[in-house]
């Protein structure tokens, strides 16, 4: 777990607050964004300050399906965990992007989210390959 830096992107403020508190207690550096534009501007910093973005698909200003390729383009080492009540398959993505994207179906327990983040984390740390 260690030094992973996460960006939680969701327009549900109570959920963001709960997940942020849980993940910070477990050693993660966590930032939040309630809109796609906010998430994109944070990820376009150079270098991108996050290893993993936890992305809800239903955002007020842009659907997560549209935001996902922009996030992946913003940083070649960034991983994205889709967090949605709608099933998501990374098979719709170009083959090169599939290892960088995973999903978890809402509702879930915070520990399940942490497990899903850890499943992506080895790839996030090994991004220099």
C-alpha atoms as a PDB file:
ATOM      1  CA  UNK A   1       0.000   0.000   0.000  1.00  0.00           C
ATOM      2  CA  UNK A   2       2.597   2.538   1.135  1.00  0.00           C
ATOM      3  CA  UNK A   3       2.814   5.775  -0.755  1.00  0.00           C
ATOM      4  CA  UNK A   4       0.020   5.379  -3.297  1.00  0.00           C
ATOM      5  CA  UNK A   5      -1.609   8.647  -4.241  1.00  0.00           C
ATOM      6  CA  UNK A   6      -5.269   8.388  -5.254  1.00  0.00           C
ATOM      7  CA  UNK A   7      -7.833  10.679  -6.822  1.00  0.00           C
ATOM      8  CA  UNK A   8     -11.454   9.831  -6.001  1.00  0.00           C
ATOM      9  CA  UNK A   9     -13.856  11.177  -8.630  1.00  0.00           C
ATOM     10  CA  UNK A  10     -17.539  11.081  -7.659  1.00  0.00           C
ATOM     11  CA  UNK A  11     -20.326  13.632  -7.303  1.00  0.00           C
ATOM     12  CA  UNK A  12     -21.689  12.003  -4.123  1.00  0.00           C
ATOM     13  CA  UNK A  13     -20.108  14.143  -1.390  1.00  0.00           C
ATOM     14  CA  UNK A  14     -20.966  11.824   1.548  1.00  0.00           C
ATOM     15  CA  UNK A  15     -19.424   8.852  -0.278  1.00  0.00           C
ATOM     16  CA  UNK A  16     -16.297  10.849  -1.134  1.00  0.00           C
ATOM     17  CA  UNK A  17     -15.886  11.898   2.496  1.00  0.00           C
ATOM     18  CA  UNK A  18     -16.332   8.347   3.804  1.00  0.00           C
ATOM     19  CA  UNK A  19     -13.947   6.749   1.308  1.00  0.00           C
ATOM     20  CA  UNK A  20     -11.353   9.494   1.712  1.00  0.00           C
ATOM     21  CA  UNK A  21     -11.306   9.074   5.494  1.00  0.00           C
ATOM     22  CA  UNK A  22     -11.079   5.265   5.240  1.00  0.00           C
ATOM     23  CA  UNK A  23      -8.306   5.287   2.645  1.00  0.00           C
ATOM     24  CA  UNK A  24      -6.262   7.964   4.424  1.00  0.00           C
ATOM     25  CA  UNK A  25      -6.443   5.914   7.633  1.00  0.00           C
ATOM     26  CA  UNK A  26      -4.982   3.049   5.645  1.00  0.00           C
ATOM     27  CA  UNK A  27      -1.971   4.998   4.460  1.00  0.00           C
ATOM     28  CA  UNK A  28      -3.050   6.415   1.101  1.00  0.00           C
ATOM     29  CA  UNK A  29      -2.629  10.029   0.011  1.00  0.00           C
ATOM     30  CA  UNK A  30      -6.117  10.975  -1.218  1.00  0.00           C
ATOM     31  CA  UNK A  31      -7.503  13.909  -3.178  1.00  0.00           C
ATOM     32  CA  UNK A  32     -11.061  14.263  -4.444  1.00  0.00           C
ATOM     33  CA  UNK A  33     -12.866  15.730  -7.451  1.00  0.00           C
ATOM     34  CA  UNK A  34     -16.620  16.119  -7.872  1.00  0.00           C
ATOM     35  CA  UNK A  35     -16.558  16.862 -11.611  1.00  0.00           C
ATOM     36  CA  UNK A  36     -14.827  15.504 -14.678  1.00  0.00           C
ATOM     37  CA  UNK A  37     -13.219  18.867 -15.398  1.00  0.00           C
ATOM     38  CA  UNK A  38     -11.766  19.081 -11.902  1.00  0.00           C
ATOM     39  CA  UNK A  39     -10.397  15.531 -12.178  1.00  0.00           C
ATOM     40  CA  UNK A  40      -8.883  16.222 -15.572  1.00  0.00           C
ATOM     41  CA  UNK A  41      -7.185  19.444 -14.476  1.00  0.00           C
ATOM     42  CA  UNK A  42      -5.686  17.654 -11.452  1.00  0.00           C
ATOM     43  CA  UNK A  43      -4.405  14.766 -13.592  1.00  0.00           C
ATOM     44  CA  UNK A  44      -2.955  17.062 -16.252  1.00  0.00           C
ATOM     45  CA  UNK A  45      -0.472  18.538 -13.784  1.00  0.00           C
ATOM     46  CA  UNK A  46       3.048  17.666 -14.772  1.00  0.00           C
ATOM     47  CA  UNK A  47       3.875  15.165 -13.524  1.00  0.00           C
ATOM     48  CA  UNK A  48       0.483  13.697 -12.676  1.00  0.00           C
ATOM     49  CA  UNK A  49       0.392  13.486  -8.858  1.00  0.00           C
ATOM     50  CA  UNK A  50      -1.686  10.286  -8.768  1.00  0.00           C
ATOM     51  CA  UNK A  51      -1.009   6.626  -9.435  1.00  0.00           C
ATOM     52  CA  UNK A  52      -4.674   5.594  -9.415  1.00  0.00           C
ATOM     53  CA  UNK A  53      -7.947   7.382 -10.147  1.00  0.00           C
ATOM     54  CA  UNK A  54     -11.139   5.873  -8.725  1.00  0.00           C
ATOM     55  CA  UNK A  55     -13.731   7.047 -11.254  1.00  0.00           C
ATOM     56  CA  UNK A  56     -17.517   7.073 -11.049  1.00  0.00           C
ATOM     57  CA  UNK A  57     -19.109   6.900 -14.500  1.00  0.00           C
ATOM     58  CA  UNK A  58     -22.013   9.241 -13.758  1.00  0.00           C
ATOM     59  CA  UNK A  59     -20.667  12.744 -13.293  1.00  0.00           C
ATOM     60  CA  UNK A  60     -22.587  16.013 -13.690  1.00  0.00           C
ATOM     61  CA  UNK A  61     -20.451  17.510 -16.482  1.00  0.00           C
ATOM     62  CA  UNK A  62     -19.238  14.512 -18.501  1.00  0.00           C
ATOM     63  CA  UNK A  63     -19.858  10.769 -18.541  1.00  0.00           C
ATOM     64  CA  UNK A  64     -16.986   8.706 -17.176  1.00  0.00           C
ATOM     65  CA  UNK A  65     -16.737   6.799 -20.471  1.00  0.00           C
ATOM     66  CA  UNK A  66     -15.731  10.095 -22.113  1.00  0.00           C
ATOM     67  CA  UNK A  67     -13.398  11.095 -19.284  1.00  0.00           C
ATOM     68  CA  UNK A  68     -11.557   7.760 -19.092  1.00  0.00           C
ATOM     69  CA  UNK A  69      -9.505   8.094 -22.322  1.00  0.00           C
ATOM     70  CA  UNK A  70      -8.624  11.692 -21.425  1.00  0.00           C
ATOM     71  CA  UNK A  71      -7.295  10.578 -18.035  1.00  0.00           C
ATOM     72  CA  UNK A  72      -5.285   7.742 -19.558  1.00  0.00           C
ATOM     73  CA  UNK A  73      -3.845  10.160 -22.116  1.00  0.00           C
ATOM     74  CA  UNK A  74      -2.962  12.705 -19.402  1.00  0.00           C
ATOM     75  CA  UNK A  75      -0.445  10.351 -17.802  1.00  0.00           C
ATOM     76  CA  UNK A  76       0.969   7.172 -19.361  1.00  0.00           C
ATOM     77  CA  UNK A  77       1.493   5.566 -15.933  1.00  0.00           C
ATOM     78  CA  UNK A  78      -1.950   6.384 -14.505  1.00  0.00           C
ATOM     79  CA  UNK A  79      -4.288   3.499 -13.599  1.00  0.00           C
ATOM     80  CA  UNK A  80      -8.068   3.895 -13.385  1.00  0.00           C
ATOM     81  CA  UNK A  81     -10.497   1.954 -11.236  1.00  0.00           C
ATOM     82  CA  UNK A  82     -14.052   2.397 -12.495  1.00  0.00           C
ATOM     83  CA  UNK A  83     -16.408   2.614  -9.503  1.00  0.00           C
ATOM     84  CA  UNK A  84     -19.976   2.442 -10.742  1.00  0.00           C
ATOM     85  CA  UNK A  85     -23.397   0.943 -10.209  1.00  0.00           C
ATOM     86  CA  UNK A  86     -23.319  -0.024 -13.891  1.00  0.00           C
ATOM     87  CA  UNK A  87     -21.152  -2.991 -14.913  1.00  0.00           C
ATOM     88  CA  UNK A  88     -18.067  -1.954 -16.901  1.00  0.00           C
ATOM     89  CA  UNK A  89     -15.853  -4.164 -19.021  1.00  0.00           C
ATOM     90  CA  UNK A  90     -12.415  -2.990 -20.063  1.00  0.00           C
ATOM     91  CA  UNK A  91     -12.830  -5.148 -23.192  1.00  0.00           C
ATOM     92  CA  UNK A  92     -14.317  -2.042 -24.874  1.00  0.00           C
ATOM     93  CA  UNK A  93     -10.921  -0.331 -24.533  1.00  0.00           C
ATOM     94  CA  UNK A  94      -7.947  -0.561 -26.882  1.00  0.00           C
ATOM     95  CA  UNK A  95      -5.803  -3.562 -25.928  1.00  0.00           C
ATOM     96  CA  UNK A  96      -2.910  -1.373 -24.755  1.00  0.00           C
ATOM     97  CA  UNK A  97      -5.134   0.393 -22.208  1.00  0.00           C
ATOM     98  CA  UNK A  98      -6.821  -2.693 -20.733  1.00  0.00           C
ATOM     99  CA  UNK A  99      -4.108  -3.481 -18.129  1.00  0.00           C
ATOM    100  CA  UNK A 100      -4.455   0.075 -16.816  1.00  0.00           C
ATOM    101  CA  UNK A 101      -8.201  -0.128 -16.141  1.00  0.00           C
ATOM    102  CA  UNK A 102     -10.220  -2.229 -13.732  1.00  0.00           C
ATOM    103  CA  UNK A 103     -13.678  -1.909 -12.216  1.00  0.00           C
ATOM    104  CA  UNK A 104     -15.620  -2.435  -9.031  1.00  0.00           C
ATOM    105  CA  UNK A 105     -19.408  -2.560  -8.872  1.00  0.00           C
ATOM    106  CA  UNK A 106     -21.265  -0.305  -6.427  1.00  0.00           C
ATOM    107  CA  UNK A 107     -22.337  -0.792  -3.720  1.00  0.00           C
ATOM    108  CA  UNK A 108     -19.188  -2.107  -2.087  1.00  0.00           C
ATOM    109  CA  UNK A 109     -17.547  -2.022   1.310  1.00  0.00           C
ATOM    110  CA  UNK A 110     -14.487   0.233   1.735  1.00  0.00           C
ATOM    111  CA  UNK A 111     -12.290  -2.845   2.275  1.00  0.00           C
ATOM    112  CA  UNK A 112     -13.406  -4.166  -1.130  1.00  0.00           C
ATOM    113  CA  UNK A 113     -12.353  -0.867  -2.684  1.00  0.00           C
ATOM    114  CA  UNK A 114      -8.968  -1.147  -1.001  1.00  0.00           C
ATOM    115  CA  UNK A 115      -8.559  -4.678  -2.401  1.00  0.00           C
ATOM    116  CA  UNK A 116      -9.409  -3.443  -5.912  1.00  0.00           C
ATOM    117  CA  UNK A 117      -6.900  -0.592  -5.563  1.00  0.00           C
ATOM    118  CA  UNK A 118      -4.205  -3.034  -4.431  1.00  0.00           C
ATOM    119  CA  UNK A 119      -4.925  -5.258  -7.435  1.00  0.00           C
ATOM    120  CA  UNK A 120      -3.995  -2.293  -9.663  1.00  0.00           C
ATOM    121  CA  UNK A 121      -1.152  -1.059  -7.442  1.00  0.00           C
ATOM    122  CA  UNK A 122       1.648  -3.414  -8.602  1.00  0.00           C
ATOM    123  CA  UNK A 123       1.058  -2.157 -12.120  1.00  0.00           C
ATOM    124  CA  UNK A 124       1.044   1.436 -10.855  1.00  0.00           C
ATOM    125  CA  UNK A 125       4.424   0.979  -9.168  1.00  0.00           C
ATOM    126  CA  UNK A 126       5.887  -0.847 -12.167  1.00  0.00           C
ATOM    127  CA  UNK A 127       4.988   1.865 -14.664  1.00  0.00           C
ATOM    128  CA  UNK A 128       8.596   2.503 -15.684  1.00  0.00           C
ATOM    129  CA  UNK A 129       8.690  -0.715 -17.703  1.00  0.00           C
END
